Amino acid sequence: MMTTDITLAAFTLCDNLRFVAFRFWAAVGICLAAAGATAAESAKVLPPICAAADLWLVTLIEEHGEAQDVAPETLAQAFFTVVEARKACNLGQVEAAIKIYEGIRLDAATSHGE
């Protein structure tokens, strides 16, 4: 009879642990879902014109970086200027951001040795 009691106690313990583990992971899932919903509510939508200008300029900076036809300092400054334009877009200052984007020059005049 004693082995039956031990076996029954072991099964009861396992069932209790499964129940506790299930409740724990359910609580973790709820917390993560709530955090995701909160983050989605606070996320701002970037105006399409800002996104297009940003993508175009970052791609251009990368291309010049790979080609090594523009001084690294110029590329770095261009990138930091893109970051400033992003900040303006995120603050809703789209016109100011577009002017910042348009002010970035990466042409032959900024290449090495010229």
Protein backbone atom coordinates (compact mmCIF):
# COMPACT_ATOMS: atom_id res chain seq x y z
CA MET A 1 0.00 0.00 0.00
CA MET A 2 2.87 2.35 0.67
CA THR A 3 4.19 2.25 -2.92
CA THR A 4 0.71 3.06 -4.16
CA ASP A 5 0.63 6.12 -1.90
CA ILE A 6 4.06 7.24 -3.12
CA THR A 7 3.07 6.70 -6.76
CA LEU A 8 -0.19 8.58 -6.22
CA ALA A 9 1.70 11.40 -4.49
CA ALA A 10 4.21 11.57 -7.37
CA PHE A 11 1.41 11.81 -9.95
CA THR A 12 -0.35 14.46 -7.89
CA LEU A 13 2.90 16.44 -7.61
CA CYS A 14 3.48 16.19 -11.37
CA ASP A 15 -0.07 17.33 -12.08
CA ASN A 16 0.37 20.26 -9.68
CA LEU A 17 3.67 21.23 -11.31
CA ARG A 18 2.10 21.06 -14.77
CA PHE A 19 -0.76 23.24 -13.60
CA VAL A 20 1.61 25.78 -12.03
CA ALA A 21 3.82 25.77 -15.14
CA PHE A 22 0.78 26.27 -17.37
CA ARG A 23 -0.44 29.20 -15.28
CA PHE A 24 3.06 30.71 -15.26
CA TRP A 25 3.42 30.57 -19.05
CA ALA A 26 -0.13 31.82 -19.53
CA ALA A 27 0.72 34.83 -17.35
CA VAL A 28 3.93 35.43 -19.30
CA GLY A 29 1.97 35.32 -22.56
CA ILE A 30 -0.58 37.82 -21.27
CA CYS A 31 2.18 40.17 -20.12
CA LEU A 32 3.95 39.99 -23.48
CA ALA A 33 0.71 40.56 -25.36
CA ALA A 34 -0.10 43.59 -23.22
CA ALA A 35 3.39 45.00 -23.70
CA GLY A 36 3.14 44.52 -27.46
CA ALA A 37 -0.24 46.24 -27.58
CA THR A 38 1.10 49.17 -25.56
CA ALA A 39 4.12 49.52 -27.85
CA ALA A 40 1.91 49.39 -30.94
CA GLU A 41 -0.34 52.13 -29.56
CA SER A 42 2.59 54.44 -28.86
CA ALA A 43 4.32 53.86 -32.22
CA LYS A 44 4.14 56.75 -34.66
CA VAL A 45 3.51 56.27 -38.33
CA LEU A 46 6.24 57.84 -40.44
CA PRO A 47 4.90 59.96 -43.31
CA PRO A 48 5.51 58.18 -46.65
CA ILE A 49 7.48 61.10 -48.08
CA CYS A 50 9.91 60.91 -45.13
CA ALA A 51 10.25 57.15 -45.48
CA ALA A 52 10.94 57.42 -49.21
CA ALA A 53 13.54 60.17 -48.80
CA ASP A 54 15.21 58.30 -45.95
CA LEU A 55 15.39 55.03 -47.86
CA TRP A 56 16.74 56.71 -50.98
CA LEU A 57 19.47 58.58 -49.10
CA VAL A 58 20.54 55.66 -46.91
CA THR A 59 20.79 53.51 -50.05
CA LEU A 60 22.82 56.24 -51.77
CA ILE A 61 25.15 56.54 -48.77
CA GLU A 62 25.66 52.77 -48.75
CA GLU A 63 26.38 52.70 -52.49
CA HIS A 64 28.98 55.46 -52.21
CA GLY A 65 30.48 53.70 -49.20
CA GLU A 66 30.87 50.47 -51.15
CA ALA A 67 32.26 52.28 -54.20
CA GLN A 68 34.58 54.35 -51.98
CA ASP A 69 34.14 57.31 -54.31
CA VAL A 70 33.12 59.80 -51.59
CA ALA A 71 35.24 60.77 -48.58
CA PRO A 72 34.31 58.83 -45.44
CA GLU A 73 33.86 62.09 -43.50
CA THR A 74 31.31 63.25 -46.07
CA LEU A 75 29.40 59.98 -45.81
CA ALA A 76 29.42 60.17 -42.03
CA GLN A 77 28.12 63.73 -42.09
CA ALA A 78 25.44 62.73 -44.59
CA PHE A 79 24.32 59.90 -42.30
CA PHE A 80 24.13 62.18 -39.26
CA THR A 81 22.11 64.64 -41.31
CA VAL A 82 19.71 61.82 -42.25
CA VAL A 83 19.32 61.10 -38.54
CA GLU A 84 18.43 64.76 -37.91
CA ALA A 85 15.85 64.62 -40.70
CA ARG A 86 14.37 61.47 -39.16
CA LYS A 87 14.03 63.26 -35.84
CA ALA A 88 12.19 66.12 -37.53
CA CYS A 89 9.84 63.66 -39.26
CA ASN A 90 9.14 61.88 -35.99
CA LEU A 91 8.24 65.23 -34.42
CA GLY A 92 5.78 65.90 -37.24
CA GLN A 93 7.96 68.59 -38.85
CA VAL A 94 7.73 67.06 -42.33
CA GLU A 95 8.52 70.22 -44.32
CA ALA A 96 11.63 70.91 -42.26
CA ALA A 97 12.69 67.28 -42.60
CA ILE A 98 12.33 67.35 -46.38
CA LYS A 99 14.51 70.48 -46.52
CA ILE A 100 17.12 68.67 -44.45
CA TYR A 101 16.97 65.62 -46.73
CA GLU A 102 17.24 67.83 -49.82
CA GLY A 103 20.31 69.55 -48.36
CA ILE A 104 22.33 66.34 -48.38
CA ARG A 105 24.76 66.31 -51.32
CA LEU A 106 26.67 63.22 -52.36
CA ASP A 107 27.98 63.93 -55.83
CA ALA A 108 31.31 63.99 -57.64
CA ALA A 109 32.28 67.25 -55.94
CA THR A 110 32.62 65.41 -52.64
CA SER A 111 34.74 62.57 -53.94
CA HIS A 112 38.33 61.76 -52.92
CA GLY A 113 41.05 63.95 -54.29
CA GLU A 114 38.80 66.65 -55.68
